[in-house]
Amino acid sequence: MKTSEPLTIDLDAETLASLQAASVWRGMSVTDYVKSAVETATRKDGELAALVQEGLDDIDAGRVYTQEQVEAWFEARHRDIAAE
């Protein structure tokens, strides 16, 4: 079973130069840098999608706050921080 798949992308000269500079700065090959960036981006997108779904589930279950409640929460938090 194949565990990886090659990927070819076209980059403009400026983006390619930035990619090469970033990989050198991190002490990585361009390939390893791109793999790391893609892994990070897809993990973060997965986390964001789960957070959004949690919010949608809360809405469906009626666990919501009004604009006034949120503003009051922020105001109270601001006062607490200012008092410190």
N, C-alpha and C. Protein backbone atom coordinates (compact mmCIF):
# COMPACT_ATOMS: atom_id res chain seq x y z
N MET A 1 0.84 -1.18 0.00
CA MET A 1 0.00 0.00 0.00
C MET A 1 0.88 1.25 0.00
N LYS A 2 0.56 2.18 -0.87
CA LYS A 2 1.31 3.42 -0.97
C LYS A 2 0.95 4.34 0.20
N THR A 3 1.97 4.86 0.90
CA THR A 3 1.70 5.71 2.07
C THR A 3 1.89 7.18 1.80
N SER A 4 2.37 7.52 0.61
CA SER A 4 2.52 8.94 0.27
C SER A 4 2.22 9.13 -1.20
N GLU A 5 1.98 10.35 -1.55
CA GLU A 5 1.62 10.69 -2.92
C GLU A 5 2.40 11.94 -3.33
N PRO A 6 3.09 11.90 -4.46
CA PRO A 6 3.80 13.10 -4.89
C PRO A 6 2.82 14.20 -5.26
N LEU A 7 3.25 15.43 -5.07
CA LEU A 7 2.42 16.58 -5.35
C LEU A 7 3.26 17.60 -6.09
N THR A 8 2.75 18.09 -7.20
CA THR A 8 3.46 19.10 -7.97
C THR A 8 2.64 20.39 -7.92
N ILE A 9 3.30 21.50 -7.60
CA ILE A 9 2.62 22.79 -7.58
C ILE A 9 3.46 23.82 -8.34
N ASP A 10 2.80 24.79 -8.90
CA ASP A 10 3.47 25.89 -9.57
C ASP A 10 3.50 27.08 -8.62
N LEU A 11 4.69 27.63 -8.43
CA LEU A 11 4.85 28.81 -7.58
C LEU A 11 5.51 29.91 -8.40
N ASP A 12 5.08 31.15 -8.15
CA ASP A 12 5.76 32.27 -8.81
C ASP A 12 7.14 32.42 -8.18
N ALA A 13 8.00 33.16 -8.85
CA ALA A 13 9.39 33.29 -8.42
C ALA A 13 9.52 33.86 -7.01
N GLU A 14 8.70 34.84 -6.69
CA GLU A 14 8.78 35.46 -5.36
C GLU A 14 8.40 34.47 -4.26
N THR A 15 7.32 33.72 -4.48
CA THR A 15 6.89 32.74 -3.48
C THR A 15 7.93 31.63 -3.33
N LEU A 16 8.49 31.17 -4.45
CA LEU A 16 9.52 30.14 -4.40
C LEU A 16 10.75 30.62 -3.64
N ALA A 17 11.16 31.86 -3.88
CA ALA A 17 12.31 32.42 -3.15
C ALA A 17 12.00 32.50 -1.66
N SER A 18 10.79 32.90 -1.31
CA SER A 18 10.40 32.97 0.10
C SER A 18 10.40 31.58 0.73
N LEU A 19 9.91 30.61 -0.01
CA LEU A 19 9.88 29.23 0.47
C LEU A 19 11.30 28.72 0.71
N GLN A 20 12.17 28.97 -0.23
CA GLN A 20 13.56 28.53 -0.08
C GLN A 20 14.23 29.21 1.10
N ALA A 21 14.01 30.51 1.26
CA ALA A 21 14.60 31.24 2.38
C ALA A 21 14.06 30.73 3.72
N ALA A 22 12.78 30.47 3.78
CA ALA A 22 12.17 29.98 5.02
C ALA A 22 12.72 28.60 5.38
N SER A 23 12.87 27.75 4.39
CA SER A 23 13.37 26.40 4.69
C SER A 23 14.82 26.45 5.15
N VAL A 24 15.62 27.33 4.56
CA VAL A 24 17.01 27.50 5.00
C VAL A 24 17.03 28.03 6.43
N TRP A 25 16.19 29.03 6.71
CA TRP A 25 16.14 29.62 8.05
C TRP A 25 15.80 28.56 9.10
N ARG A 26 14.91 27.63 8.74
CA ARG A 26 14.53 26.56 9.67
C ARG A 26 15.48 25.37 9.63
N GLY A 27 16.45 25.40 8.73
CA GLY A 27 17.39 24.29 8.65
C GLY A 27 16.76 23.03 8.09
N MET A 28 15.82 23.20 7.18
CA MET A 28 15.08 22.08 6.61
C MET A 28 15.21 22.11 5.09
N SER A 29 15.01 20.97 4.48
CA SER A 29 14.90 20.96 3.03
C SER A 29 13.56 21.61 2.66
N VAL A 30 13.45 22.07 1.41
CA VAL A 30 12.19 22.64 0.95
C VAL A 30 11.08 21.61 1.08
N THR A 31 11.36 20.37 0.72
CA THR A 31 10.34 19.31 0.82
C THR A 31 9.87 19.12 2.25
N ASP A 32 10.82 19.03 3.20
CA ASP A 32 10.43 18.85 4.61
C ASP A 32 9.69 20.07 5.13
N TYR A 33 10.09 21.26 4.69
CA TYR A 33 9.40 22.48 5.12
C TYR A 33 7.96 22.47 4.63
N VAL A 34 7.76 22.14 3.36
CA VAL A 34 6.41 22.10 2.80
C VAL A 34 5.57 21.04 3.51
N LYS A 35 6.14 19.86 3.74
CA LYS A 35 5.40 18.81 4.46
C LYS A 35 4.97 19.30 5.84
N SER A 36 5.89 19.95 6.55
CA SER A 36 5.58 20.46 7.89
C SER A 36 4.48 21.52 7.84
N ALA A 37 4.59 22.43 6.85
CA ALA A 37 3.58 23.48 6.72
C ALA A 37 2.20 22.90 6.40
N VAL A 38 2.16 21.93 5.52
CA VAL A 38 0.88 21.30 5.16
C VAL A 38 0.31 20.54 6.35
N GLU A 39 1.16 19.80 7.07
CA GLU A 39 0.69 19.08 8.26
C GLU A 39 0.12 20.04 9.30
N THR A 40 0.82 21.14 9.53
CA THR A 40 0.35 22.13 10.49
C THR A 40 -0.97 22.76 10.05
N ALA A 41 -1.05 23.16 8.79
CA ALA A 41 -2.27 23.81 8.28
C ALA A 41 -3.46 22.87 8.33
N THR A 42 -3.27 21.62 7.94
CA THR A 42 -4.40 20.69 7.94
C THR A 42 -4.82 20.34 9.37
N ARG A 43 -3.86 20.24 10.29
CA ARG A 43 -4.22 19.99 11.69
C ARG A 43 -5.00 21.16 12.26
N LYS A 44 -4.53 22.39 12.00
CA LYS A 44 -5.22 23.58 12.50
C LYS A 44 -6.63 23.70 11.89
N ASP A 45 -6.76 23.40 10.61
CA ASP A 45 -8.08 23.44 9.98
C ASP A 45 -9.01 22.41 10.60
N GLY A 46 -8.48 21.23 10.92
CA GLY A 46 -9.28 20.21 11.60
C GLY A 46 -9.74 20.66 12.96
N GLU A 47 -8.83 21.32 13.71
CA GLU A 47 -9.19 21.84 15.03
C GLU A 47 -10.25 22.93 14.91
N LEU A 48 -10.10 23.80 13.92
CA LEU A 48 -11.09 24.87 13.71
C LEU A 48 -12.44 24.29 13.32
N ALA A 49 -12.43 23.30 12.43
CA ALA A 49 -13.69 22.66 12.02
C ALA A 49 -14.40 22.02 13.22
N ALA A 50 -13.63 21.39 14.11
CA ALA A 50 -14.22 20.78 15.31
C ALA A 50 -14.80 21.85 16.23
N LEU A 51 -14.10 22.98 16.36
CA LEU A 51 -14.59 24.08 17.20
C LEU A 51 -15.88 24.67 16.62
N VAL A 52 -15.90 24.86 15.31
CA VAL A 52 -17.12 25.38 14.66
C VAL A 52 -18.26 24.39 14.85
N GLN A 53 -17.99 23.09 14.70
CA GLN A 53 -19.04 22.10 14.89
C GLN A 53 -19.56 22.11 16.31
N GLU A 54 -18.66 22.29 17.27
CA GLU A 54 -19.07 22.39 18.68
C GLU A 54 -20.02 23.57 18.86
N GLY A 55 -19.71 24.69 18.24
CA GLY A 55 -20.59 25.86 18.32
C GLY A 55 -21.93 25.60 17.67
N LEU A 56 -21.92 24.96 16.51
CA LEU A 56 -23.19 24.62 15.85
C LEU A 56 -24.02 23.67 16.69
N ASP A 57 -23.35 22.71 17.32
CA ASP A 57 -24.06 21.77 18.20
C ASP A 57 -24.68 22.52 19.39
N ASP A 58 -23.93 23.49 19.94
CA ASP A 58 -24.47 24.30 21.04
C ASP A 58 -25.69 25.08 20.59
N ILE A 59 -25.64 25.66 19.40
CA ILE A 59 -26.79 26.39 18.87
C ILE A 59 -27.98 25.46 18.71
N ASP A 60 -27.74 24.29 18.13
CA ASP A 60 -28.83 23.32 17.95
C ASP A 60 -29.45 22.90 19.28
N ALA A 61 -28.62 22.86 20.34
CA ALA A 61 -29.11 22.44 21.66
C ALA A 61 -29.66 23.60 22.46
N GLY A 62 -29.64 24.81 21.88
CA GLY A 62 -30.18 25.97 22.59
C GLY A 62 -29.22 26.60 23.57
N ARG A 63 -27.96 26.21 23.53
CA ARG A 63 -26.95 26.80 24.43
C ARG A 63 -26.35 28.01 23.73
N VAL A 64 -27.04 29.14 23.85
CA VAL A 64 -26.61 30.36 23.18
C VAL A 64 -26.69 31.53 24.15
N TYR A 65 -26.00 32.60 23.80
CA TYR A 65 -26.01 33.83 24.59
C TYR A 65 -26.51 34.96 23.71
N THR A 66 -27.20 35.91 24.31
CA THR A 66 -27.63 37.10 23.57
C THR A 66 -26.45 38.05 23.43
N GLN A 67 -26.58 38.99 22.54
CA GLN A 67 -25.55 40.02 22.37
C GLN A 67 -25.35 40.77 23.68
N GLU A 68 -26.44 41.06 24.37
CA GLU A 68 -26.35 41.79 25.64
C GLU A 68 -25.60 40.99 26.69
N GLN A 69 -25.82 39.68 26.75
CA GLN A 69 -25.11 38.84 27.71
C GLN A 69 -23.61 38.81 27.42
N VAL A 70 -23.26 38.72 26.15
CA VAL A 70 -21.84 38.70 25.77
C VAL A 70 -21.19 40.04 26.10
N GLU A 71 -21.87 41.14 25.80
CA GLU A 71 -21.32 42.46 26.12
C GLU A 71 -21.15 42.64 27.62
N ALA A 72 -22.11 42.16 28.40
CA ALA A 72 -22.01 42.26 29.86
C ALA A 72 -20.83 41.43 30.37
N TRP A 73 -20.62 40.25 29.78
CA TRP A 73 -19.50 39.40 30.17
C TRP A 73 -18.17 40.11 29.89
N PHE A 74 -18.05 40.70 28.68
CA PHE A 74 -16.83 41.41 28.34
C PHE A 74 -16.61 42.61 29.25
N GLU A 75 -17.66 43.33 29.55
CA GLU A 75 -17.55 44.50 30.42
C GLU A 75 -17.09 44.08 31.82
N ALA A 76 -17.66 43.03 32.36
CA ALA A 76 -17.27 42.55 33.68
C ALA A 76 -15.81 42.08 33.66
N ARG A 77 -15.43 41.40 32.60
CA ARG A 77 -14.05 40.92 32.47
C ARG A 77 -13.08 42.11 32.40
N HIS A 78 -13.46 43.13 31.64
CA HIS A 78 -12.64 44.33 31.52
C HIS A 78 -12.46 44.99 32.89
N ARG A 79 -13.55 45.08 33.64
CA ARG A 79 -13.48 45.70 34.99
C ARG A 79 -12.57 44.89 35.90
N ASP A 80 -12.69 43.54 35.83
CA ASP A 80 -11.86 42.68 36.68
C ASP A 80 -10.38 42.85 36.36
N ILE A 81 -10.06 42.92 35.08
CA ILE A 81 -8.66 43.07 34.67
C ILE A 81 -8.14 44.45 35.06
N ALA A 82 -8.98 45.48 34.89
CA ALA A 82 -8.56 46.84 35.25
C ALA A 82 -8.32 46.97 36.75
N ALA A 83 -9.05 46.18 37.53
CA ALA A 83 -8.92 46.27 38.99
C ALA A 83 -7.64 45.59 39.49
N GLU A 84 -7.06 44.75 38.68
CA GLU A 84 -5.85 44.02 39.11
C GLU A 84 -4.64 44.86 39.19
